[in-house]
Structure formats: structure tokens, C-alpha cells
């Protein structure tokens, strides 16, 4: 056992010493944007992408900061061309990716694409394993600004760090700044090594538009805030705001907690049917501002009692962003809960006077000393900013993982005992809807 641990540590140390650190200057705050997967799966085409670019503007999302438009799986032909290069699907993207990128750029947006660290993507299209340099250069030539890099169809014998660092090196070699978003499902504890090579890394399997899935993605991210920093962020997967399956309260909880965790905020809903409630959540200016705060420190869980929780993080001006979260089972006879945040849990003195502002309501709630109590509905949140009347430079130095390390350790143990539950076939969560359809193309021998 000791020898195995020593071997792993030695391998990791060698990797860190040899790896060239990511230096693309991107994601100094978490990425804001849109991805096609949660709304459309593989049913995408260039007309839809152009319409989505237009809707990002008309909906107010671009103005709120959502600048990346990312095409997910199923954009390519099922085979590479005769020179081994990726090419866009000739039926659904007849104008080609360069023309589509030019259109997206003309709207003041940034263009993102998808590939996979295995031999094939999750839907069976060509992956980038052993083609990293040529694919990275293709993306750069097309004007790509963002790469989501998935984890399907890779043999178990592959060392996940090797596959993801290969694409990191290839992207750096192009000389084009391309935000590198690792969709590795949390495999191999990426928070320990991904900050060296990527702008974000998935902490968990795929999210689905239901309450249990959202909680799973959240719980697998608790206690990881210390690994995030400007240019490198934990990613509990895309937002489900706007999608059927979550109530308005649950959508608000999804958005607020992802914002305070400093997750990338990637919208994944059909913008043609975006409700006013969902649009108001996604464009809540003061909530987005927490996510984009220049201090670049991720918030985390700081208090838990049964199904009620408090999350908090420091902001550049010395204040605290705080989320009170009510996880009580729906249908209870008590639909509201009082949740209190104590100043001492925020690194403040008990006698400190501080103002409290409701960030969704954009409303000042008054001045309080020692604590503040909010009323929170089932599966809902209250998100506030707590600002000391008299600020001090030391207030910016508070970190949730230093003060609340014991709580995070307990949550990590619970997560390890429960295990990471991935849906679908082993190693390929939720993305195998076309499995039978692609068998004749890729063959069973490609499955790890």
C-alpha cells in the first residue's frame, strides 16, 4: 500500500516538474456563456447556432456578460478527411466552421467548440486522442476561442493526466488564446493537477435537470474552493436554469450556488423558449457580479445543520457573499425555514456592524451586528452581500477553507463513502442516447 502511494506521488511530482503551466491569460474570472448540449444534445446545425447567437443578444444575456457560444458534440463528420483532419458535418454545417465562427465573432461573441480526449466523442464522432496537435491547430485556424474537452471512449489503461496535458500542450503550441475547459467528470481528482493545465475542470459527472442531480453535482464540489484561482476554476457542470424539471426556486438555487462557488456559468437551455423568470435569474446583475468579483476567491460551505446550509466567500471590497440554502424535502408541512449566518463564521468580529443587501431583490435589508437571519423557502436560497460599516484590509484575507477545514473534511468523507454515481454505461455518463446507432460505425472494440 505504501509503495503504491509513493509511486503515485512520484508520478504526480514528475508531471508537475515537467508540465508547462497554462499561460493563455484567459478566465481570470469564471467563463460566462452558452452551450448547446443540455438543450439540444446532438441535434444541432448552423442555422440553430446563428439563431442562438442572435438570441444571446436580444435576450440580454450578452449584455449580462455571457460571451462564449459553445457548440457541443455532433458537429463533425463521422470520419476524418483523407489528410486525417476533422471537418464539419457537411449536411448540418455546410458553410463550415470558419464561416460560423466569423458570424459569431461579428456579433461581439466568442466561439467555442467541443472535442474528446478519447478516440471518439460521446456520440461516436472522431475524438482527438493521438490527434491533439492537428486538431488544436484546426481549431485555431477556424477562430475557436473555447474548447470543451470530454472524456468518453478512452481505454482504462490511459492515464487521464497524460491525455488532458497532451491537448493543453497542443493548444499552447498554436499560439492562439483558447480557453481550455476540461470535461473530465472529476476523474483522477483533477483539482490537484488541472490548475497547471486548464482554465476549468469538471468536479463531477453530468448534470441533469432534476433536483437530485443538482445536489449530487453540488456535493461533489463542496470543499474544493481552495484549488480555484483566477484562470483556473472548479466546474460542477452547466446550469439547468430554464429547463423543464426544476422549479423556479430550484433554478434560483442552482444559479446562486454555482455563482458563489465561482463555477463557470454556462447556460444550457432553449433560448427560443426562455421564460421571463429564467431570464431574470440568469441576468441578476448583482449575483453575476459575485461570480465575476476580481478577488477571484471561490466560496464554499461554511455551516450545515441537517438540510439547511450556508455558503460564503470573500469579495474584493472586504465584504462577504452569502447564500442561505434550504434543502428540506418538498411537501413538508413547514414550507419556510429560518437560516442564520453568524459573523464569526465569516471571519468578522461578533460586535461588527454590517449592512445586508439582498442580491436577487437588489434591496438593502438594514444594518445588523453579530448575525443575520433570513427566511428561505423549500429548495430555495437567499443570496446576500454582507458589508462591514468599517472595513479593514484583513477582511479580504479570509478564506472559507482555512476556517472551516473540519466541515469540508467531513463532507469529503461522506462523498467518498457514497461514491461517485454516474448514469449510463460505465465511464460514459448520460451521453449514450445514440449508442446503438453508432455501433456499426465505431465498433465494440472502441469501448474501454
Foldseek 3Di string as FASTA:
>chain_A
DVVVVVVVVVVLVVCVVPFQFQDLPPQLFFAAAAEAPQAQNQPAALVLLLVVLVLCVVLCVVVLPHAEYEYEPNQWDQAAPPVRHTWGDCPRYVVTLLVSQVSSVVSVGAYHYEAELAQAPLLRHGHCPVPLQRHLLVCVVSRHAEYEYAYFLHDPPDDVVVSQSSNLVNNVVNVHHHAYEYAYQLPPVCLVPCNRRHQEYEQHAEAHLADVRLVLLQLSCALSQVSWHRSYAYASYEQPQQPPHDDLQLSLVSLQLCQQQLHRHYDHHSSVRRDPSSSLSSSLNQSNCSSRASLGGHWHWQDDDPQWTKIWDAGPQLKIKMKTFGADDPPDPDFKDKDKDFVVSLVHDQQFKWWKAFRSVRGTDGIDGGMDIDIAGHSHMTIIIIGTPDHDPCSRVDHNCVVRVVVSVVSVVVDVVVDRDADDDPPNHPSCPCVVVCCVPPNPVSHD
